[in-house]
Amino acid sequence: MGKDSNNSGIPVFGEVIKLLNRQEINTIAEELATDKYTKRLDSYQHLVIMLYSVLGQFNSLREVELGFLSSATRMNHFGLDYMVRRSTLSDANARRSPEFFSRVYAQLYDRYKGLLSDSRPVKGIEKPLFIVDSTTISLFSQVFRGVGKNPINGQKKGGIKAHTVIKADEDVPTFMNLTDAAESDHQILDKLELPSGSYVAFDMGYVDYETWQKFSDRDIFYVTREKKRSRRKVIETLAVCEQEKDWIVSDEIVELHWTRRWERPMTKEELRHRRGRRPKSGVVMVKEKRSGVHKCRRITKYKDNKDEGTITFITNDLESPASVICELYRRRWQIETLFKRLKQNFPLKYFLGDSRNAIQIQIWVSMIAWLLMSVIKKLTTRKWSLSGLMTAVRILLNSYTGLYNFLNAPEGQWLSIIHSRANDIENLCPNLPFPDVRGPNFECQRTIEAIRASIKD
């Protein structure tokens, strides 16, 4: 039997990191000064090593070290010039800023977002739809502040929350912010930079009437669920069209009144005109209050099963049909499935460090790996699920099998072996009375036809 004719000359992991632009990554490292005081392990090599550990699903620094020791002859293909050690990688994870990896993700997203986009618009809406939600990753210690009460026996576990934004026509995050699990969801709304004229969908955890009014002022349309205890004033009742009367209960224009109170330290100018004693700390707090009214639309519809009751949506889109608004919120479930697949393919239960830096770096590298796998999926002609694709890459990580050739036709090599076996038996026994029966070392014609059909599909 001859050698593998599908040999690409470089290992599969080498083909994966070809999607990275080393020059642009080094530029980011220079801007952030992440290579300052670094002797050997620069930012790019750190990124490559962490990508290798994430794609290989290594759970400890020892496994990462053994993985590279077993790939010593492939180091030049990985862009590495020396063998990394556990202590060196541990120090890099503890010291290098996670901002470098977040900037690399943003750079890769800008580079490949045209390839990742898919044509799945909501019927009746031509504007982009963004989906906002958060997911929590449990930790074994309070490195990041967790939620809930302290247990009576044992130590309270920590947690890190990933506030995420995706576009409905893509399957990768466009924005992500990592905070303590105890951080409130609605505070992330102020950090979003959404284009004017776009839609954004989020759940009931993002109730902030003041920010919703800012969305209206910037011509950004939101869709969310209504909380049961929300205070509203109905100012107009809209007519429901005949096509929607079977499942739309009501369509109203309402006003939501909000009040915000907070404390801030007095400025130096205010302290000069203040009378009375100052506290020992020298900081005098002053209470402030701001209130306003937000005008929006309230749509109530039956659930899929009318016996289960109704569901109510809030939006500042006062013109689109109620069916379109309901469909916009239904698309929000897309981000829930994304979180589920991310946690299935990147089981972030074992981190390569117990510091805030190490945990954030590993999460950002997991996002970079997910983005690269999404790009590879788009570059292949065969339909793959991202879970199946990542499994294939993990198995072939150090193999010299051509990545794209294998992904386009996984049965190709086996089919060539069957053909060579069939040709051998025809040459040796041309007048075989039962050609479909080849014995234990040969495949029947049905198997060949089945493999051909699977390749065509």
Foldseek 3Di string as FASTA:
>chain_A
DDDDPQFPPAFLLLVLCVLADVVVLVVLCVVVVQCPPPDFCGPVNLLLLLLLCQLLVPQELVVSQVVCVVLVVRQVSSVHDDRDHLVVSQVSLFPGFLVSLVVSLLVSCVVCVVLFFAPDDQVPDPAWEKEKDKDKDKAAAVLAQQDDDADPDDGDIWIKMWTFMDILRGLATNDIDIHTNPDQNQVCLVVDDDAAQHEYEYEPSNDDQVSQVVCVVSNYKYKYFDDPPFDKAFDAWDDADPVCPVWWDTKTKIKGKDKDKDKDWDDPVVVVPDDDDADPVNTDIDMDMDMDMHIWMKTKTADPDNVVDITIMIMRPPDDHPVSSVVSNVSNCSVVVSVVVLCVSRVPHRWHHDHPSRSSNSVSSSSVSLSSLSSLCSVEPDHDDSSRLSVVCNVRVRPSRDNRVCVLQVCVVVLVVQVVLLVVCCVVCVPDPDSQPDPPVHHGPVVNVVSVVNSVD
